[in-house]
């Protein structure tokens, strides 16, 4: 069941707002959704924001989950293995 959807259309507005900006703003919610609920993270689109997206997620995990950077990166890999962190990029 889809309960939270964030869209970023950077070309449709004067100020460029990208998905990593939404992830940073939703860091606490994303941490809660992925760690205390069986949530999933799915990103569709071009490959260029992938590193910025990962950085925003890692920052949220360290800030709101108290993880070290390495633990946050390991958590992303665990979520990938569980197919709860999926990037459909081109």
Protein backbone atom coordinates (compact mmCIF):
# COMPACT_ATOMS: atom_id res chain seq x y z
CA UNK A 1 0.00 0.00 0.00
CA UNK A 2 1.40 3.37 -1.00
CA UNK A 3 1.16 5.81 1.90
CA UNK A 4 3.64 8.55 1.03
CA UNK A 5 4.60 9.83 -2.40
CA UNK A 6 7.01 12.69 -3.10
CA UNK A 7 7.43 14.08 -6.57
CA UNK A 8 10.10 16.48 -7.73
CA UNK A 9 9.56 18.31 -11.00
CA UNK A 10 12.53 20.63 -11.10
CA UNK A 11 11.73 22.03 -14.53
CA UNK A 12 8.18 23.05 -13.69
CA UNK A 13 9.04 25.85 -11.28
CA UNK A 14 11.34 28.83 -10.89
CA UNK A 15 13.23 27.44 -7.89
CA UNK A 16 14.80 24.09 -8.62
CA UNK A 17 13.62 21.52 -6.06
CA UNK A 18 15.09 18.08 -6.49
CA UNK A 19 14.21 14.78 -4.83
CA UNK A 20 17.22 15.00 -2.50
CA UNK A 21 15.73 18.24 -1.10
CA UNK A 22 12.49 16.42 -0.27
CA UNK A 23 14.43 13.52 1.26
CA UNK A 24 16.38 15.91 3.46
CA UNK A 25 13.16 17.63 4.57
CA UNK A 26 11.50 14.25 5.26
CA UNK A 27 14.53 12.68 6.96
CA UNK A 28 12.83 11.88 10.23
CA UNK A 29 9.74 10.47 8.52
CA UNK A 30 11.88 8.39 6.16
CA UNK A 31 13.92 6.98 9.05
CA UNK A 32 10.76 6.04 10.91
CA UNK A 33 9.12 4.60 7.81
CA UNK A 34 12.09 2.40 6.92
CA UNK A 35 13.15 1.35 10.41
CA UNK A 36 10.02 0.97 12.51
CA UNK A 37 7.62 0.05 9.75
CA UNK A 38 8.06 -2.33 6.85
CA UNK A 39 8.42 0.61 4.45
CA UNK A 40 10.24 0.74 1.16
CA UNK A 41 12.08 3.42 -0.79
CA UNK A 42 11.71 3.52 -4.56
CA UNK A 43 13.38 6.06 -6.82
CA UNK A 44 12.62 6.28 -10.51
CA UNK A 45 14.34 8.61 -12.93
CA UNK A 46 17.76 9.56 -14.21
CA UNK A 47 20.98 8.30 -12.62
CA UNK A 48 22.54 11.69 -11.89
CA UNK A 49 20.84 12.32 -8.51
CA UNK A 50 21.64 8.87 -7.07
CA UNK A 51 24.70 9.98 -5.09
CA UNK A 52 22.88 13.07 -3.78
CA UNK A 53 19.88 10.93 -2.83
CA UNK A 54 22.08 8.43 -0.99
CA UNK A 55 23.82 11.29 0.83
CA UNK A 56 20.45 12.74 1.91
CA UNK A 57 19.32 9.35 3.20
CA UNK A 58 22.59 8.75 5.03
CA UNK A 59 22.31 12.20 6.63
CA UNK A 60 18.77 11.38 7.78
CA UNK A 61 19.84 8.02 9.18
CA UNK A 62 22.73 9.59 11.10
CA UNK A 63 20.67 12.54 12.33
CA UNK A 64 17.45 10.79 13.28
CA UNK A 65 18.61 7.21 13.75
CA UNK A 66 21.87 7.94 15.52
CA UNK A 67 23.82 5.78 13.09
CA UNK A 68 27.38 6.38 12.04
CA UNK A 69 27.92 7.13 8.37
CA UNK A 70 29.20 3.59 7.78
CA UNK A 71 26.26 2.06 9.65
CA UNK A 72 23.88 4.17 7.54
CA UNK A 73 25.55 2.94 4.34
CA UNK A 74 25.34 -0.64 5.63
CA UNK A 75 21.65 -0.10 6.41
CA UNK A 76 21.02 1.01 2.83
CA UNK A 77 22.71 -2.19 1.61
CA UNK A 78 20.52 -4.25 3.98
CA UNK A 79 17.41 -2.51 2.63
CA UNK A 80 18.59 -3.21 -0.93
CA UNK A 81 19.03 -6.89 -0.11
CA UNK A 82 15.47 -6.96 1.24
CA UNK A 83 14.26 -5.19 -1.92
CA UNK A 84 13.03 -2.27 0.19
CA UNK A 85 15.46 0.22 -1.37
CA UNK A 86 15.04 0.12 -5.13
CA UNK A 87 16.45 2.46 -7.75
CA UNK A 88 14.91 2.28 -11.21
CA UNK A 89 17.24 4.68 -12.96
CA UNK A 90 18.35 5.19 -16.53
